[in-house]
Protein backbone atom coordinates (compact mmCIF):
# COMPACT_ATOMS: atom_id res chain seq x y z
CA MET A 1 -22.98 -17.07 -0.44
CA GLU A 2 -26.53 -15.45 -0.14
CA SER A 3 -26.82 -11.82 0.73
CA ALA A 4 -29.20 -10.15 3.18
CA ASN A 5 -30.10 -7.39 0.58
CA GLY A 6 -30.01 -9.85 -2.32
CA LYS A 7 -26.88 -7.93 -3.91
CA LYS A 8 -23.83 -9.63 -5.11
CA VAL A 9 -20.51 -7.77 -5.14
CA LEU A 10 -17.22 -8.57 -6.88
CA ILE A 11 -13.83 -7.48 -5.51
CA SER A 12 -10.70 -7.63 -7.56
CA GLY A 13 -7.49 -8.31 -5.27
CA ALA A 14 -7.23 -10.13 -1.72
CA SER A 15 -5.10 -7.16 -0.62
CA ILE A 16 -5.52 -5.00 2.25
CA ALA A 17 -7.89 -2.93 0.19
CA GLY A 18 -9.82 -5.98 -1.11
CA LEU A 19 -10.10 -7.69 2.24
CA SER A 20 -10.91 -4.65 4.09
CA THR A 21 -13.88 -3.77 1.60
CA ALA A 22 -14.98 -7.42 1.58
CA CYS A 23 -15.22 -7.27 5.22
CA LEU A 24 -17.19 -3.96 5.76
CA LEU A 25 -19.43 -4.82 2.56
CA ASN A 26 -20.20 -8.26 4.10
CA LYS A 27 -21.31 -6.52 7.29
CA VAL A 28 -24.08 -4.30 5.48
CA GLY A 29 -25.30 -7.20 3.76
CA TYR A 30 -23.63 -7.89 0.40
CA ALA A 31 -22.73 -11.38 -1.02
CA VAL A 32 -19.06 -10.73 -1.51
CA THR A 33 -16.70 -12.68 -3.98
CA VAL A 34 -12.94 -11.63 -4.03
CA VAL A 35 -11.22 -12.93 -7.21
CA GLU A 36 -7.23 -12.83 -6.90
CA GLN A 37 -4.53 -13.85 -9.51
CA ALA A 38 -2.24 -15.32 -6.81
CA SER A 39 -3.07 -18.75 -5.18
CA GLU A 40 -3.55 -16.95 -1.70
CA PRO A 41 -4.00 -13.51 -0.14
CA ARG A 42 -1.14 -11.07 -0.88
CA THR A 43 0.80 -11.12 2.25
CA ALA A 44 4.34 -10.21 0.95
CA GLY A 45 5.69 -6.77 1.56
CA ALA A 46 7.13 -4.46 4.21
CA ALA A 47 5.23 -3.68 7.51
CA VAL A 48 2.44 -1.22 7.32
CA ASP A 49 0.99 1.67 9.29
CA ILE A 50 -2.78 1.73 10.40
CA ARG A 51 -3.15 5.38 11.32
CA GLY A 52 -5.89 7.83 12.44
CA THR A 53 -9.20 6.72 11.39
CA ALA A 54 -8.00 3.56 9.91
CA VAL A 55 -7.49 2.36 13.53
CA ASP A 56 -11.24 2.99 14.38
CA VAL A 57 -12.36 1.11 11.15
CA SER A 58 -10.00 -1.89 12.40
CA LYS A 59 -12.32 -2.08 15.33
CA ARG A 60 -15.27 -2.11 13.14
CA MET A 61 -13.90 -5.03 11.34
CA GLY A 62 -13.13 -6.92 14.48
CA ILE A 63 -9.22 -6.97 14.09
CA PHE A 64 -7.92 -4.22 16.48
CA ASP A 65 -7.05 -6.54 19.17
CA GLN A 66 -4.90 -8.74 17.13
CA LEU A 67 -3.20 -5.68 15.45
CA ASP A 68 -2.67 -4.00 18.98
CA ALA A 69 -1.09 -7.22 20.34
CA ASN A 70 1.28 -7.68 17.37
CA ARG A 71 2.23 -3.98 16.79
CA LEU A 72 5.56 -2.96 16.26
CA ARG A 73 7.27 -0.25 18.06
CA VAL A 74 10.14 1.96 16.94
CA GLU A 75 12.40 3.05 19.66
CA ARG A 76 15.18 5.04 17.64
CA ILE A 77 15.63 6.54 14.34
CA GLU A 78 19.35 6.97 13.26
CA PHE A 79 21.00 9.07 10.35
CA LYS A 80 24.09 7.50 9.32
CA GLU A 81 27.31 9.01 7.72
CA ALA A 82 29.21 7.21 5.00
CA ASP A 83 31.92 6.18 7.99
CA GLY A 84 29.52 4.68 10.04
CA SER A 85 28.88 7.32 12.59
CA THR A 86 25.67 8.77 13.57
CA ALA A 87 25.07 12.23 12.45
CA GLY A 88 21.86 12.40 14.31
CA SER A 89 19.15 10.54 15.97
CA ILE A 90 15.57 10.63 17.37
CA VAL A 91 14.60 8.59 20.40
CA LEU A 92 11.01 7.58 20.35
CA GLY A 93 8.90 6.92 23.58
CA ASN A 94 5.32 5.75 23.95
CA ASP A 95 4.31 9.09 24.04
CA ASP A 96 5.59 9.83 20.47
CA ALA A 97 3.20 9.83 17.22
CA ALA A 98 4.68 6.49 16.00
CA ASN A 99 3.96 4.69 19.20
CA GLN A 100 0.55 6.29 19.89
CA ASP A 101 -2.73 4.01 20.09
CA ASP A 102 -4.01 5.61 16.89
CA ASP A 103 -0.67 4.70 14.97
CA ILE A 104 -0.05 1.08 14.77
CA GLU A 105 2.72 -0.57 12.87
CA ILE A 106 2.13 -4.01 11.89
CA GLU A 107 3.58 -6.82 9.63
CA ARG A 108 1.66 -6.97 6.57
CA ASP A 109 0.81 -10.85 6.78
CA ILE A 110 -0.48 -10.39 10.35
CA PHE A 111 -3.10 -7.58 9.06
CA ILE A 112 -4.11 -9.63 5.84
CA ASN A 113 -4.20 -13.15 7.69
CA SER A 114 -6.41 -11.43 10.61
CA LEU A 115 -8.84 -10.35 8.05
CA PHE A 116 -8.82 -13.48 5.99
CA ASP A 117 -9.54 -15.64 8.94
CA ARG A 118 -12.61 -13.77 9.67
CA LEU A 119 -13.82 -13.75 5.93
CA VAL A 120 -13.01 -17.34 4.69
CA ASN A 121 -16.35 -18.86 5.74
CA THR A 122 -18.56 -15.88 4.77
CA VAL A 123 -17.06 -14.51 1.61
CA THR A 124 -16.35 -16.63 -1.62
CA PHE A 125 -12.76 -16.51 -2.68
CA MET A 126 -11.55 -17.24 -6.51
CA PHE A 127 -7.89 -17.79 -6.29
CA THR A 128 -5.57 -18.27 -9.20
CA ASN A 129 -8.03 -16.25 -11.40
CA SER A 130 -8.68 -12.87 -12.58
CA ILE A 131 -11.18 -10.48 -14.69
CA THR A 132 -10.65 -10.69 -18.29
CA ALA A 133 -13.52 -8.52 -19.35
CA LEU A 134 -16.19 -6.38 -17.99
CA ALA A 135 -19.68 -5.35 -19.56
CA GLU A 136 -22.27 -3.18 -17.94
CA THR A 137 -26.01 -4.53 -18.34
CA ASN A 138 -29.50 -3.81 -17.45
CA ASP A 139 -28.89 -6.16 -14.42
CA GLY A 140 -25.42 -5.18 -13.24
CA VAL A 141 -21.97 -6.00 -14.52
CA GLY A 142 -21.08 -8.90 -16.48
CA VAL A 143 -17.51 -10.35 -15.75
CA THR A 144 -15.55 -12.94 -17.71
CA PHE A 145 -12.79 -14.47 -15.91
CA ARG A 146 -9.50 -16.08 -16.99
CA ASP A 147 -10.80 -19.62 -16.32
CA GLY A 148 -13.59 -18.81 -18.81
CA THR A 149 -16.37 -18.63 -16.62
CA ARG A 150 -18.89 -15.75 -16.72
CA GLN A 151 -21.10 -14.24 -13.88
CA THR A 152 -23.15 -11.06 -13.30
CA PHE A 153 -22.80 -8.84 -10.14
CA ASP A 154 -24.64 -5.74 -8.87
CA LEU A 155 -21.16 -4.00 -8.25
CA VAL A 156 -17.68 -4.61 -9.19
CA ILE A 157 -14.77 -3.13 -6.95
CA GLY A 158 -11.21 -2.89 -8.00
CA CYS A 159 -8.86 -3.27 -5.17
CA ASP A 160 -5.96 -4.64 -7.16
CA GLY A 161 -3.17 -2.18 -6.52
CA LEU A 162 -1.23 0.47 -8.57
CA HIS A 163 -1.32 -1.38 -11.65
CA SER A 164 -5.06 -2.24 -11.56
CA ILE A 165 -6.68 -4.75 -13.92
CA VAL A 166 -10.22 -3.29 -13.34
CA ARG A 167 -9.07 0.49 -13.78
CA ASN A 168 -7.03 -0.44 -16.83
CA ARG A 169 -10.06 -2.23 -18.43
CA TRP A 170 -12.71 0.19 -17.27
CA PHE A 171 -11.38 3.55 -16.88
CA GLY A 172 -8.21 3.71 -18.96
CA HIS A 173 -4.69 3.12 -19.16
CA GLU A 174 -2.61 3.88 -16.08
CA ALA A 175 -0.66 6.37 -17.92
CA GLU A 176 -3.63 8.69 -18.06
CA TYR A 177 -3.74 9.08 -14.20
CA ALA A 178 -0.11 8.31 -13.07
CA TYR A 179 1.69 10.98 -11.68
CA PHE A 180 5.48 10.15 -11.68
CA MET A 181 7.17 11.67 -8.53
CA GLU A 182 10.76 11.48 -10.17
CA ALA A 183 11.87 8.63 -7.72
CA TYR A 184 12.34 4.98 -7.77
CA PHE A 185 12.66 2.25 -4.78
CA SER A 186 13.14 -1.18 -4.04
CA ILE A 187 12.22 -3.23 -0.79
CA THR A 188 14.03 -6.30 0.19
CA THR A 189 13.13 -8.15 3.16
CA VAL A 190 15.70 -10.51 4.95
CA ASP A 191 14.96 -12.86 7.78
CA LYS A 192 17.81 -11.49 9.97
CA LEU A 193 18.58 -8.57 11.95
CA LEU A 194 20.94 -6.42 10.29
CA ILE A 195 20.56 -3.52 12.92
CA ASP A 196 19.48 -3.32 16.34
CA GLU A 197 15.71 -4.60 16.48
CA LYS A 198 13.19 -1.74 16.95
CA THR A 199 15.54 0.68 14.99
CA MET A 200 15.26 2.70 11.93
CA GLN A 201 18.49 3.66 10.11
CA LEU A 202 18.97 6.18 7.27
CA PHE A 203 21.77 6.95 4.84
CA ASN A 204 21.74 9.46 2.32
CA VAL A 205 23.96 11.02 -0.57
CA PRO A 206 22.47 13.54 -2.56
CA ASN A 207 19.47 12.07 -4.69
CA LYS A 208 19.90 8.45 -3.26
CA ALA A 209 18.85 7.09 0.05
CA ILE A 210 19.15 3.68 2.01
CA THR A 211 16.68 2.71 4.70
CA LEU A 212 16.86 -0.24 7.18
CA ASN A 213 13.84 -1.16 9.50
CA ALA A 214 14.46 -3.92 11.81
CA TYR A 215 11.66 -5.80 13.61
CA ASN A 216 10.69 -9.32 14.84
CA GLY A 217 14.07 -10.88 13.74
CA LYS A 218 13.93 -9.49 10.07
CA THR A 219 15.09 -6.37 8.43
CA ASP A 220 13.48 -4.12 5.47
CA ILE A 221 16.10 -2.96 3.06
CA ILE A 222 14.84 -0.03 1.21
CA PHE A 223 16.87 1.75 -1.84
CA SER A 224 15.27 4.89 -3.20
CA PHE A 225 16.87 7.20 -5.78
CA PHE A 226 15.92 10.52 -7.83
CA SER A 227 15.42 10.05 -11.44
CA GLU A 228 14.32 13.14 -13.60
CA ASN A 229 12.88 10.80 -16.23
CA GLU A 230 11.00 7.47 -16.07
CA ILE A 231 13.09 4.42 -16.83
CA SER A 232 12.06 1.74 -19.14
CA TYR A 233 12.26 -1.93 -17.88
CA ASP A 234 10.40 -5.11 -17.88
CA TYR A 235 8.13 -5.32 -14.92
CA ARG A 236 8.46 -9.16 -15.10
CA ASP A 237 12.29 -9.13 -15.11
CA ILE A 238 13.35 -8.96 -11.43
CA ASN A 239 16.92 -9.52 -12.45
CA GLN A 240 16.60 -6.44 -14.63
CA GLN A 241 15.23 -4.40 -11.66
CA ARG A 242 17.94 -5.72 -9.23
CA ALA A 243 20.56 -4.56 -11.90
CA ILE A 244 19.01 -0.83 -11.74
CA ILE A 245 19.43 -0.84 -8.08
CA LEU A 246 23.08 -2.13 -8.18
CA ASN A 247 23.99 0.24 -10.84
CA GLN A 248 22.72 3.20 -8.85
CA PHE A 249 24.22 2.30 -5.62
CA ALA A 250 27.49 0.58 -6.00
CA GLY A 251 30.31 2.25 -4.34
CA GLN A 252 28.23 4.66 -2.38
CA GLY A 253 29.70 4.09 1.06
CA TRP A 254 28.35 3.08 4.62
CA ARG A 255 27.28 -0.62 4.34
CA THR A 256 26.03 -0.10 0.67
CA ASN A 257 28.08 -3.12 -0.89
CA GLU A 258 26.73 -5.37 2.13
CA LEU A 259 23.21 -4.41 1.40
CA LEU A 260 23.53 -4.67 -2.19
CA ALA A 261 24.60 -8.41 -1.85
CA GLU A 262 21.49 -8.86 0.35
CA VAL A 263 19.43 -7.68 -2.58
CA GLN A 264 20.98 -10.11 -5.00
CA GLN A 265 20.66 -13.05 -2.64
CA SER A 266 17.22 -12.41 -1.28
CA GLY A 267 14.05 -13.89 -2.94
CA LYS A 268 11.72 -11.11 -1.40
CA PHE A 269 12.53 -8.08 -3.70
CA TYR A 270 9.90 -5.55 -4.83
CA PHE A 271 10.78 -2.58 -7.26
CA ASP A 272 8.58 0.43 -8.70
CA LYS A 273 8.47 4.09 -8.95
CA PHE A 274 7.33 6.43 -6.51
CA CYS A 275 4.00 7.35 -8.23
CA GLN A 276 0.61 8.79 -7.13
CA LEU A 277 -2.68 8.01 -8.85
CA LYS A 278 -4.85 11.26 -9.65
CA MET A 279 -8.22 10.25 -10.92
CA PRO A 280 -11.15 12.64 -11.72
CA SER A 281 -13.52 10.08 -10.45
CA TRP A 282 -12.95 6.77 -8.79
CA THR A 283 -16.26 5.38 -10.09
CA LYS A 284 -17.98 4.66 -13.32
CA GLY A 285 -21.22 3.29 -13.63
CA ARG A 286 -21.45 0.31 -11.26
CA VAL A 287 -17.71 -0.09 -10.99
CA ALA A 288 -15.59 1.55 -8.06
CA LEU A 289 -11.84 1.69 -7.15
CA VAL A 290 -10.75 1.41 -3.50
CA GLY A 291 -6.88 2.20 -2.27
CA ASP A 292 -3.81 2.20 -4.50
CA ALA A 293 -6.03 1.31 -7.48
CA GLY A 294 -7.88 4.66 -7.30
CA TYR A 295 -5.84 6.92 -5.14
CA CYS A 296 -2.23 5.47 -4.62
CA ALA A 297 -0.25 8.20 -2.75
CA SER A 298 3.08 6.25 -2.86
CA PRO A 299 5.09 4.67 0.00
CA ALA A 300 6.30 8.21 0.83
CA ALA A 301 3.10 8.87 2.33
CA GLY A 302 3.28 6.00 4.93
CA MET A 303 -0.42 5.71 4.56
CA GLY A 304 -1.14 3.19 1.86
CA ALA A 305 -2.74 0.76 4.23
CA SER A 306 -4.66 3.36 6.10
CA LEU A 307 -5.98 4.85 3.00
CA SER A 308 -7.23 1.48 1.70
CA VAL A 309 -9.03 0.69 4.94
CA ILE A 310 -10.48 4.41 5.29
CA GLY A 311 -11.45 4.14 1.55
CA ALA A 312 -13.23 0.91 2.17
CA ALA A 313 -15.15 2.20 4.99
CA ALA A 314 -16.13 5.41 3.16
CA LEU A 315 -17.46 3.34 0.19
CA ALA A 316 -19.40 0.85 2.37
CA ASP A 317 -20.81 3.59 4.54
CA ALA A 318 -22.01 5.46 1.34
CA LEU A 319 -23.58 2.04 0.08
CA GLU A 320 -25.40 1.65 3.39
CA LYS A 321 -26.73 5.12 3.64
CA HIS A 322 -28.16 5.27 0.10
CA ASN A 323 -29.57 1.58 0.47
CA GLY A 324 -27.16 0.35 -2.21
CA ASN A 325 -27.89 3.10 -5.02
CA PRO A 326 -24.59 3.13 -6.68
CA ALA A 327 -25.11 6.52 -8.40
CA LEU A 328 -25.88 8.29 -5.18
CA ALA A 329 -23.46 6.12 -3.07
CA PHE A 330 -20.65 6.51 -5.49
CA GLN A 331 -21.05 10.52 -5.59
CA GLU A 332 -20.83 10.79 -2.00
CA TYR A 333 -17.74 8.47 -1.79
CA ASN A 334 -15.99 10.58 -4.35
CA GLN A 335 -16.87 13.97 -2.57
CA THR A 336 -16.30 13.08 1.00
CA LEU A 337 -13.08 10.98 0.86
CA ARG A 338 -11.12 13.51 -2.03
CA PRO A 339 -10.12 16.31 0.31
CA PHE A 340 -8.33 13.93 2.63
CA ILE A 341 -6.72 11.90 -0.17
CA GLU A 342 -5.44 14.96 -1.91
CA GLU A 343 -3.84 16.23 1.62
CA VAL A 344 -2.03 13.00 2.14
CA GLN A 345 -0.85 13.08 -1.55
CA ALA A 346 0.52 16.47 -1.05
CA THR A 347 2.45 15.38 2.26
CA ALA A 348 3.95 12.43 0.47
CA GLU A 349 5.26 14.72 -2.50
CA LEU A 350 7.02 16.88 0.32
CA ASN A 351 8.27 13.56 2.06
CA VAL A 352 9.99 12.21 -1.09
CA ARG A 353 11.87 15.50 -1.53
CA ASP A 354 12.74 16.78 1.98
CA ASN A 355 12.84 13.55 3.97
CA PHE A 356 13.27 10.45 1.94
CA ILE A 357 15.60 11.79 -0.82
CA PRO A 358 17.21 15.11 -0.14
CA ARG A 359 18.71 16.56 -3.32
CA THR A 360 21.79 18.36 -1.71
CA GLU A 361 24.37 17.75 1.07
CA GLU A 362 22.91 20.78 3.04
CA ALA A 363 19.47 19.39 2.73
CA ILE A 364 20.63 16.09 4.30
CA ARG A 365 22.34 17.98 6.99
CA GLN A 366 19.13 19.83 7.79
CA ARG A 367 17.02 16.68 7.76
CA ASN A 368 19.47 14.96 10.12
CA THR A 369 19.16 17.61 12.75
CA GLN A 370 15.32 17.17 13.15
CA LEU A 371 14.18 16.12 16.43
CA THR A 372 10.72 14.62 15.47
CA ALA A 373 9.77 11.68 13.13
CA PHE A 374 8.44 12.39 9.81
């Protein structure tokens, strides 16, 4: 694709961060190419929240009406006991924060497909491919792809998630920047309702949590547990990861055995640690990171998609303001966005300890008596 400003940008990852960045950079005149390891955009995963400024950005991207028309509404949050009784509940109306116009919960595939449909004819997509080497030159960044081809781009943007290829190749290994939050989680989505629709249920014992979220005929099953030390496992071995969850939660009461059976049978399973990325800079030379690749706040923030969208807008705005000068634009991107990122990450740390995985019976009782959603 030809660009209005003559500049070419490569984005790694057809994710929420990647497609948002592609859309906004395309709007300010860049010729955008998106490279993605998978054969199509990454639509798998739990529902996401688009909050605050991210809602305004969705309007800029032209997808707000689709998001609003398909928004999910949570009507009730229930805290469950081992015998199935309800220890406490929060009833949410349209005036509650979770159902406000500046807080839209949406299925991930609807968000991704809304953006992809707008971009498919204006952005170049390279599926089943990935970056194998980066080299900055006088003309830009030389990129070698897995299929053996090479191209030069003015900018390269890593939007490829917590385990980013771009970050690992250009900024250093993940371990240099990863902050382990002493907890792990799994997400399993089943295509049936295990509880009433528009409802969330939480069950806790000290250091362990189970969350159910039901919407549109499906249920997300989320297991979370405290772990003082990191667990060694093969990230490619799904059966090993399932076994970790089974060993942690077997015999814990409530509906645990039933839900573990769903985890064993479902093909939609994801496991990872609660982790944040804390980097001194999200840019280096002509390469930048957006979203989880640079500043993952962890699922405990409830802001992963929003940070991706807000970050994409911050980067695009800085590049437009500075006429594509990467040094000036990247400096502004780092400076203006960082206070917000640090605030969200701090909130996520509190959420893990106080709301998601309380450590004691007393902490669980206190959490179960709260009257507002977290």
